[in-house]
């Protein structure tokens, strides 16, 4: 029933969004151009930023987006298929400890995984590098997940995709694929993780039943929002709670790429339904919850990057209810990989590529126009 109603809901949202967009003209400034698949962005306390390119580069930017330096001593990543250097996160106590976190694909085509390292940023170089997370090796170079987010208690969330061909592992608590992990920032396991002490379970597992989680953010009240790719249809926006099963691949609103059904179930008892799903898939990217003064009409709404359908979504959230969505900037033909809200309330977006061209990635700053 939900699946049949969704196209009408989305059509209504698009119509509502057209008027909303007309009433909210946008100014888009390209801060950086000719990037190679930019992926992650994080703010330092002094206004500078860190930005990753999937090809393996970490950049230090000033507050206006100018490239100050390519950071040295970044661990090598497996840059193959969907692999590479992924996300970057900054420790809440960075002003005193200078710690940053990076996720990357690690290994070879035959044996690779999602890895997270912790390091100290000293000038324009990483020092004291430590591996704090490794998923189990599998022979895949796709669906790494690899988004990072810090919780208010100082623990770190890591998304781990199910590697495409290992989708059944998403339901196996002893496997790390298809999970969101929660770890302490030294790599140890928090004692209050939901599966600590459960026989056969990896104690790092925080939630499971995920496919390929490409968006992750923690709201100001501690609510965890996550985006993940479905197959052909069924991209999801989820609210993540500890110990919950989010269904993949037993329950899905999408089809296999062959057009066949992956499962006879769109929902299943004991499994958590998404807050919102899309059919067809927009090919979701990054995620932020808007809080700021520049766009008060979007306060508390979700900003969702769409790579396949090439636009920026504003999902109208009323608590944990979806009231509609707006699609913006479709004319740019841009793959919105990541979205962040700057300290001044501007929206920053990383564009993976424009119109399918090589090395056409961008860093955009979006403010009220004209």
Protein backbone atom coordinates (compact mmCIF):
# COMPACT_ATOMS: atom_id res chain seq x y z
CA UNK A 1 0.00 0.00 0.00
CA UNK A 2 2.76 2.45 0.92
CA UNK A 3 4.62 1.66 -2.27
CA UNK A 4 1.56 2.35 -4.43
CA UNK A 5 0.90 5.67 -2.69
CA UNK A 6 4.48 6.95 -2.81
CA UNK A 7 4.54 8.22 -6.42
CA UNK A 8 1.49 10.39 -5.66
CA UNK A 9 3.16 11.73 -2.52
CA UNK A 10 6.35 12.54 -4.38
CA UNK A 11 4.41 14.16 -7.23
CA UNK A 12 2.58 16.37 -4.73
CA UNK A 13 5.88 17.27 -3.08
CA UNK A 14 7.42 18.20 -6.40
CA UNK A 15 4.51 20.52 -7.18
CA UNK A 16 4.69 22.09 -3.75
CA UNK A 17 8.44 22.35 -4.13
CA UNK A 18 8.20 24.27 -7.38
CA UNK A 19 6.32 27.10 -5.65
CA UNK A 20 8.62 26.87 -2.64
CA UNK A 21 11.70 27.07 -4.84
CA UNK A 22 10.28 30.10 -6.72
CA UNK A 23 9.72 31.84 -3.38
CA UNK A 24 13.27 30.99 -2.29
CA UNK A 25 15.71 32.03 -5.02
CA UNK A 26 19.16 30.56 -4.55
CA UNK A 27 22.61 31.90 -5.20
CA UNK A 28 25.14 29.20 -6.08
CA UNK A 29 28.85 30.00 -5.96
CA UNK A 30 31.43 27.49 -7.20
CA UNK A 31 34.21 27.61 -4.62
CA UNK A 32 36.28 24.85 -6.23
CA UNK A 33 36.13 23.25 -9.65
CA UNK A 34 37.84 20.44 -11.60
CA UNK A 35 37.88 18.12 -8.57
CA UNK A 36 38.22 14.36 -8.91
CA UNK A 37 35.21 12.77 -7.22
CA UNK A 38 35.15 14.77 -3.97
CA UNK A 39 33.57 12.71 -1.18
CA UNK A 40 33.92 14.06 2.36
CA UNK A 41 33.89 17.50 3.99
CA UNK A 42 34.39 18.59 7.60
CA UNK A 43 34.78 21.91 9.41
CA UNK A 44 37.66 22.77 11.72
CA UNK A 45 36.96 25.00 14.74
CA UNK A 46 38.82 27.98 13.21
CA UNK A 47 36.67 27.96 10.06
CA UNK A 48 39.03 25.99 7.83
CA UNK A 49 37.81 22.77 6.21
CA UNK A 50 39.07 19.32 5.30
CA UNK A 51 37.93 17.78 2.01
CA UNK A 52 38.61 14.36 0.54
CA UNK A 53 38.80 13.23 -3.07
CA UNK A 54 38.09 9.56 -3.66
CA UNK A 55 41.33 9.29 -5.68
CA UNK A 56 43.20 9.44 -2.36
CA UNK A 57 43.76 13.13 -1.66
CA UNK A 58 42.94 15.07 1.50
CA UNK A 59 42.85 18.85 1.17
CA UNK A 60 43.08 21.61 3.74
CA UNK A 61 40.84 24.52 2.70
CA UNK A 62 40.41 28.01 4.10
CA UNK A 63 36.99 29.23 5.23
CA UNK A 64 36.22 30.42 1.70
CA UNK A 65 37.05 27.08 0.09
CA UNK A 66 40.50 27.97 -1.24
CA UNK A 67 42.91 25.05 -1.29
CA UNK A 68 45.67 25.79 1.21
CA UNK A 69 47.54 22.49 1.05
CA UNK A 70 47.28 18.83 0.13
CA UNK A 71 47.64 17.02 3.43
CA UNK A 72 50.67 14.73 3.62
CA UNK A 73 50.95 11.20 5.03
CA UNK A 74 47.42 10.13 4.11
CA UNK A 75 47.32 6.31 4.16
CA UNK A 76 47.00 4.79 0.67
CA UNK A 77 43.50 3.68 -0.31
CA UNK A 78 42.30 1.02 -2.71
CA UNK A 79 41.18 3.32 -5.55
CA UNK A 80 39.28 0.83 -7.68
CA UNK A 81 35.66 0.62 -8.86
CA UNK A 82 33.80 2.32 -5.97
CA UNK A 83 36.81 2.19 -3.66
CA UNK A 84 39.04 5.04 -2.54
CA UNK A 85 39.44 7.63 0.18
CA UNK A 86 36.01 8.41 1.60
CA UNK A 87 34.84 10.45 4.56
CA UNK A 88 36.52 12.78 7.03
CA UNK A 89 35.36 13.73 10.52
CA UNK A 90 36.82 16.10 13.10
CA UNK A 91 37.03 15.26 16.79
CA UNK A 92 34.81 17.50 18.98
CA UNK A 93 37.92 18.28 21.06
CA UNK A 94 40.04 19.09 17.99
CA UNK A 95 41.10 22.45 19.44
CA UNK A 96 43.01 20.58 22.14
CA UNK A 97 43.84 17.21 20.54
CA UNK A 98 44.00 17.91 16.73
CA UNK A 99 42.41 14.52 15.99
CA UNK A 100 40.69 13.68 12.72
CA UNK A 101 39.16 10.47 11.35
CA UNK A 102 39.28 9.15 7.80
CA UNK A 103 37.47 6.23 6.16
CA UNK A 104 38.90 4.45 3.14
CA UNK A 105 38.80 1.28 1.12
CA UNK A 106 41.75 -0.86 2.15
CA UNK A 107 43.37 -3.95 0.63
CA UNK A 108 43.29 -5.52 -2.80
CA UNK A 109 40.58 -6.54 -5.24
CA UNK A 110 40.68 -10.05 -3.76
CA UNK A 111 40.64 -8.92 -0.11
CA UNK A 112 39.38 -5.49 0.86
CA UNK A 113 37.28 -3.76 3.48
CA UNK A 114 36.12 -0.48 4.94
CA UNK A 115 38.85 0.92 7.20
CA UNK A 116 38.87 3.90 9.56
CA UNK A 117 42.01 5.62 10.80
CA UNK A 118 42.57 8.21 13.49
CA UNK A 119 45.38 10.74 13.14
CA UNK A 120 46.61 14.04 14.47
CA UNK A 121 46.63 16.95 12.02
CA UNK A 122 49.91 18.80 12.46
CA UNK A 123 50.10 21.70 10.06
CA UNK A 124 49.54 20.14 6.65
CA UNK A 125 50.43 16.56 7.60
CA UNK A 126 48.95 13.62 9.47
CA UNK A 127 50.86 12.19 12.41
CA UNK A 128 50.31 9.40 14.96
CA UNK A 129 48.17 7.42 12.51
CA UNK A 130 46.26 4.53 14.06
CA UNK A 131 43.83 2.04 12.50
CA UNK A 132 40.74 2.01 14.72
CA UNK A 133 38.30 0.01 12.58
CA UNK A 134 38.44 -2.72 9.94
CA UNK A 135 35.46 -4.60 8.57
CA UNK A 136 36.13 -8.21 7.63
CA UNK A 137 37.87 -8.77 4.30
CA UNK A 138 35.73 -9.79 1.34
CA UNK A 139 36.38 -10.03 -2.40
CA UNK A 140 34.48 -6.92 -3.49
CA UNK A 141 35.24 -3.32 -4.39
CA UNK A 142 31.73 -1.86 -4.25
CA UNK A 143 29.18 -0.82 -1.59
CA UNK A 144 31.67 0.25 1.08
CA UNK A 145 29.32 2.57 2.97
CA UNK A 146 32.09 4.47 4.84
CA UNK A 147 30.20 7.50 6.20
CA UNK A 148 31.34 8.75 9.60
CA UNK A 149 29.48 10.62 12.34
CA UNK A 150 30.27 11.40 15.96
CA UNK A 151 27.61 11.00 18.63
CA UNK A 152 27.14 13.44 21.52
CA UNK A 153 28.76 10.90 23.90
CA UNK A 154 31.97 11.01 21.84
CA UNK A 155 31.60 7.62 20.19
CA UNK A 156 31.98 7.19 16.44
CA UNK A 157 29.49 5.70 13.97
CA UNK A 158 30.77 3.99 10.82
CA UNK A 159 28.55 2.79 7.98
CA UNK A 160 29.59 -0.42 6.26
CA UNK A 161 27.91 -1.48 3.02
CA UNK A 162 27.10 -5.09 2.23
CA UNK A 163 29.48 -5.44 -0.70
CA UNK A 164 26.64 -6.08 -3.19
CA UNK A 165 27.23 -9.80 -3.66
CA UNK A 166 27.27 -10.46 0.09
CA UNK A 167 23.87 -9.00 0.84
CA UNK A 168 22.84 -11.89 3.08
CA UNK A 169 25.61 -10.80 5.47
CA UNK A 170 23.51 -7.74 6.31
CA UNK A 171 21.33 -10.07 8.44
CA UNK A 172 24.24 -11.92 10.07
CA UNK A 173 25.30 -10.31 13.33
CA UNK A 174 28.66 -12.05 13.19
CA UNK A 175 29.54 -10.27 9.93
CA UNK A 176 30.31 -6.55 9.68
CA UNK A 177 28.93 -6.03 6.17
CA UNK A 178 25.55 -4.28 5.92
CA UNK A 179 25.86 -2.70 9.37
CA UNK A 180 26.33 0.57 11.18
CA UNK A 181 29.14 0.16 13.70
CA UNK A 182 29.66 2.16 16.88
CA UNK A 183 33.12 2.35 18.38
CA UNK A 184 35.07 4.47 20.80
CA UNK A 185 37.49 6.80 19.07
CA UNK A 186 40.43 4.61 20.08
CA UNK A 187 38.81 1.65 18.32
CA UNK A 188 37.52 -0.10 21.44
CA UNK A 189 33.93 -1.29 21.83
CA UNK A 190 31.50 0.73 23.96
CA UNK A 191 30.15 -1.46 26.73
CA UNK A 192 26.56 -0.36 26.05
CA UNK A 193 26.49 -1.42 22.39
CA UNK A 194 23.32 -3.47 21.79
CA UNK A 195 24.98 -6.80 20.96
CA UNK A 196 27.82 -6.84 23.47
CA UNK A 197 27.87 -10.30 25.03
CA UNK A 198 25.54 -11.87 22.46
CA UNK A 199 27.10 -15.17 21.31
CA UNK A 200 28.32 -15.03 17.72
CA UNK A 201 27.67 -11.30 17.29
CA UNK A 202 30.29 -8.69 16.44
CA UNK A 203 30.06 -6.35 19.46
CA UNK A 204 30.71 -3.30 17.27
CA UNK A 205 27.32 -3.67 15.54
CA UNK A 206 24.91 -0.82 16.33
CA UNK A 207 22.22 -1.52 13.69
CA UNK A 208 21.91 -4.00 10.83
CA UNK A 209 19.98 -4.92 7.71
CA UNK A 210 21.53 -2.12 5.62
CA UNK A 211 22.52 -2.06 1.96
CA UNK A 212 24.91 0.79 1.03
CA UNK A 213 24.70 3.68 3.48
CA UNK A 214 25.83 6.91 1.81
CA UNK A 215 24.39 9.53 4.14
CA UNK A 216 24.75 9.81 7.90
CA UNK A 217 24.22 12.70 10.31
CA UNK A 218 23.43 13.24 13.97
CA UNK A 219 20.92 15.98 14.72
CA UNK A 220 21.31 18.44 17.59
CA UNK A 221 19.03 16.32 19.80
CA UNK A 222 21.09 13.18 19.15
CA UNK A 223 18.72 11.64 16.56
CA UNK A 224 20.65 9.64 13.96
CA UNK A 225 19.48 10.00 10.36
CA UNK A 226 20.81 7.73 7.61
CA UNK A 227 20.45 7.41 3.84
CA UNK A 228 21.08 4.23 1.91
CA UNK A 229 20.90 3.07 -1.66
CA UNK A 230 18.24 0.57 -2.57
CA UNK A 231 18.66 -1.56 -5.68
CA UNK A 232 16.28 -0.58 -8.54
CA UNK A 233 14.02 1.54 -6.37
CA UNK A 234 13.93 1.63 -2.60
CA UNK A 235 16.49 4.29 -1.62
CA UNK A 236 15.76 5.01 2.05
CA UNK A 237 15.85 7.72 4.69
CA UNK A 238 16.03 6.04 8.10
CA UNK A 239 16.06 7.02 11.75
CA UNK A 240 18.67 4.77 13.33
CA UNK A 241 18.14 3.23 16.76
CA UNK A 242 20.44 0.77 18.54
CA UNK A 243 19.86 -2.90 17.87
CA UNK A 244 17.22 -2.36 15.17
CA UNK A 245 17.03 -4.42 11.96
CA UNK A 246 16.39 -2.28 8.87
CA UNK A 247 15.37 -5.18 6.67
CA UNK A 248 17.82 -5.63 3.81
CA UNK A 249 17.58 -7.96 1.94
CA UNK A 250 14.54 -9.64 3.53
CA UNK A 251 12.34 -6.54 3.23
CA UNK A 252 12.85 -3.97 0.47
CA UNK A 253 10.76 -1.60 -1.65
CA UNK A 254 13.14 -2.09 -4.59
CA UNK A 255 13.65 -4.69 -7.32
CA UNK A 256 16.79 -6.42 -8.48
CA UNK A 257 18.55 -4.88 -11.46
CA UNK A 258 17.22 -7.77 -13.54
CA UNK A 259 13.70 -6.56 -12.77
CA UNK A 260 13.01 -9.59 -10.58
CA UNK A 261 12.02 -9.47 -6.94
CA UNK A 262 14.77 -9.72 -4.35
CA UNK A 263 12.28 -10.72 -1.67
CA UNK A 264 8.51 -11.25 -1.59
CA UNK A 265 8.36 -8.80 1.33
CA UNK A 266 8.28 -5.02 1.31
CA UNK A 267 7.83 -5.06 5.08
CA UNK A 268 8.46 -7.81 7.60
CA UNK A 269 7.55 -8.26 11.28
CA UNK A 270 10.27 -7.06 13.63
CA UNK A 271 12.05 -5.03 10.95
CA UNK A 272 12.10 -1.24 10.95
CA UNK A 273 10.48 0.59 8.05
CA UNK A 274 12.21 3.64 6.54
CA UNK A 275 10.99 7.11 7.38
CA UNK A 276 10.83 7.69 3.62
CA UNK A 277 11.65 5.64 0.54
CA UNK A 278 11.83 6.53 -3.12
CA UNK A 279 10.66 4.60 -6.17
CA UNK A 280 12.38 5.01 -8.58
CA UNK A 281 15.71 5.52 -6.85
CA UNK A 282 17.20 9.02 -7.05
CA UNK A 283 20.64 7.56 -6.30
CA UNK A 284 21.01 9.30 -2.96
CA UNK A 285 24.23 10.88 -1.69
CA UNK A 286 24.99 12.77 1.50
CA UNK A 287 22.71 14.09 4.22
CA UNK A 288 22.45 17.03 6.60
CA UNK A 289 19.74 18.40 8.89
CA UNK A 290 19.41 22.13 8.38
CA UNK A 291 19.90 24.47 11.33
CA UNK A 292 20.84 28.04 10.54
CA UNK A 293 19.72 31.60 9.92
CA UNK A 294 19.98 31.76 6.11
CA UNK A 295 17.06 29.42 5.37
CA UNK A 296 14.69 29.65 8.36
CA UNK A 297 11.91 28.04 6.29
CA UNK A 298 14.00 24.83 6.19
CA UNK A 299 14.83 24.72 9.90
CA UNK A 300 14.99 21.07 10.97
CA UNK A 301 14.51 19.75 7.43
CA UNK A 302 16.71 17.13 5.78
CA UNK A 303 19.03 18.13 2.95
CA UNK A 304 19.52 15.11 0.69
CA UNK A 305 21.95 14.85 -2.19
CA UNK A 306 20.78 12.96 -5.27
CA UNK A 307 23.44 11.64 -7.62
CA UNK A 308 21.40 9.60 -10.06
CA UNK A 309 18.63 12.18 -10.54
CA UNK A 310 21.14 15.03 -10.09
CA UNK A 311 19.51 17.48 -7.72
CA UNK A 312 19.38 18.61 -4.11
CA UNK A 313 16.33 17.58 -2.11
CA UNK A 314 14.85 19.39 0.87
CA UNK A 315 12.71 16.91 2.81
CA UNK A 316 10.17 18.66 5.02
CA UNK A 317 10.37 16.95 8.41
CA UNK A 318 7.76 17.51 11.09
CA UNK A 319 9.35 15.65 13.97
CA UNK A 320 9.61 12.12 12.58
CA UNK A 321 6.97 12.65 9.92
CA UNK A 322 7.63 13.58 6.28
CA UNK A 323 5.35 16.37 5.00
CA UNK A 324 6.78 16.64 1.47
CA UNK A 325 9.94 17.37 -0.43
CA UNK A 326 11.42 19.96 -2.78
CA UNK A 327 13.82 19.25 -5.64
CA UNK A 328 16.31 22.02 -6.35
CA UNK A 329 19.13 22.82 -8.79
CA UNK A 330 18.21 20.13 -11.35
CA UNK A 331 19.49 22.39 -14.13
CA UNK A 332 23.09 22.02 -12.94
CA UNK A 333 23.25 18.35 -14.05
CA UNK A 334 25.32 17.73 -10.91
CA UNK A 335 25.76 14.58 -8.83
CA UNK A 336 25.30 15.80 -5.25
CA UNK A 337 27.69 13.57 -3.28
CA UNK A 338 27.68 15.31 0.11
CA UNK A 339 25.81 18.15 1.81
CA UNK A 340 26.90 20.14 4.87
CA UNK A 341 25.59 23.17 6.73
CA UNK A 342 28.35 25.72 7.32
CA UNK A 343 28.65 27.53 10.65
CA UNK A 344 27.15 30.69 9.08
CA UNK A 345 24.09 28.79 7.80
CA UNK A 346 25.16 28.49 4.18
CA UNK A 347 24.76 25.09 2.50
CA UNK A 348 27.92 23.53 1.12
CA UNK A 349 27.63 20.73 -1.40
CA UNK A 350 30.24 18.44 -2.89
CA UNK A 351 29.51 17.59 -6.52
CA UNK A 352 30.91 14.24 -7.61
CA UNK A 353 30.77 15.18 -11.29
CA UNK A 354 28.89 17.51 -13.64
CA UNK A 355 27.14 16.07 -16.68
CA UNK A 356 29.24 12.91 -16.43
CA UNK A 357 32.52 14.65 -17.25
CA UNK A 358 35.88 13.55 -15.86
CA UNK A 359 37.44 15.73 -13.13
CA UNK A 360 34.40 17.99 -13.09
CA UNK A 361 33.70 17.78 -9.36
CA UNK A 362 32.89 20.95 -7.47
CA UNK A 363 32.49 22.50 -4.05
CA UNK A 364 29.37 24.70 -4.05
CA UNK A 365 28.22 27.34 -1.58
CA UNK A 366 24.44 27.83 -1.62
CA UNK A 367 22.92 30.94 -0.07
CA UNK A 368 19.67 32.88 -0.50
CA UNK A 369 19.62 34.66 -3.86
CA UNK A 370 19.83 36.48 -6.05
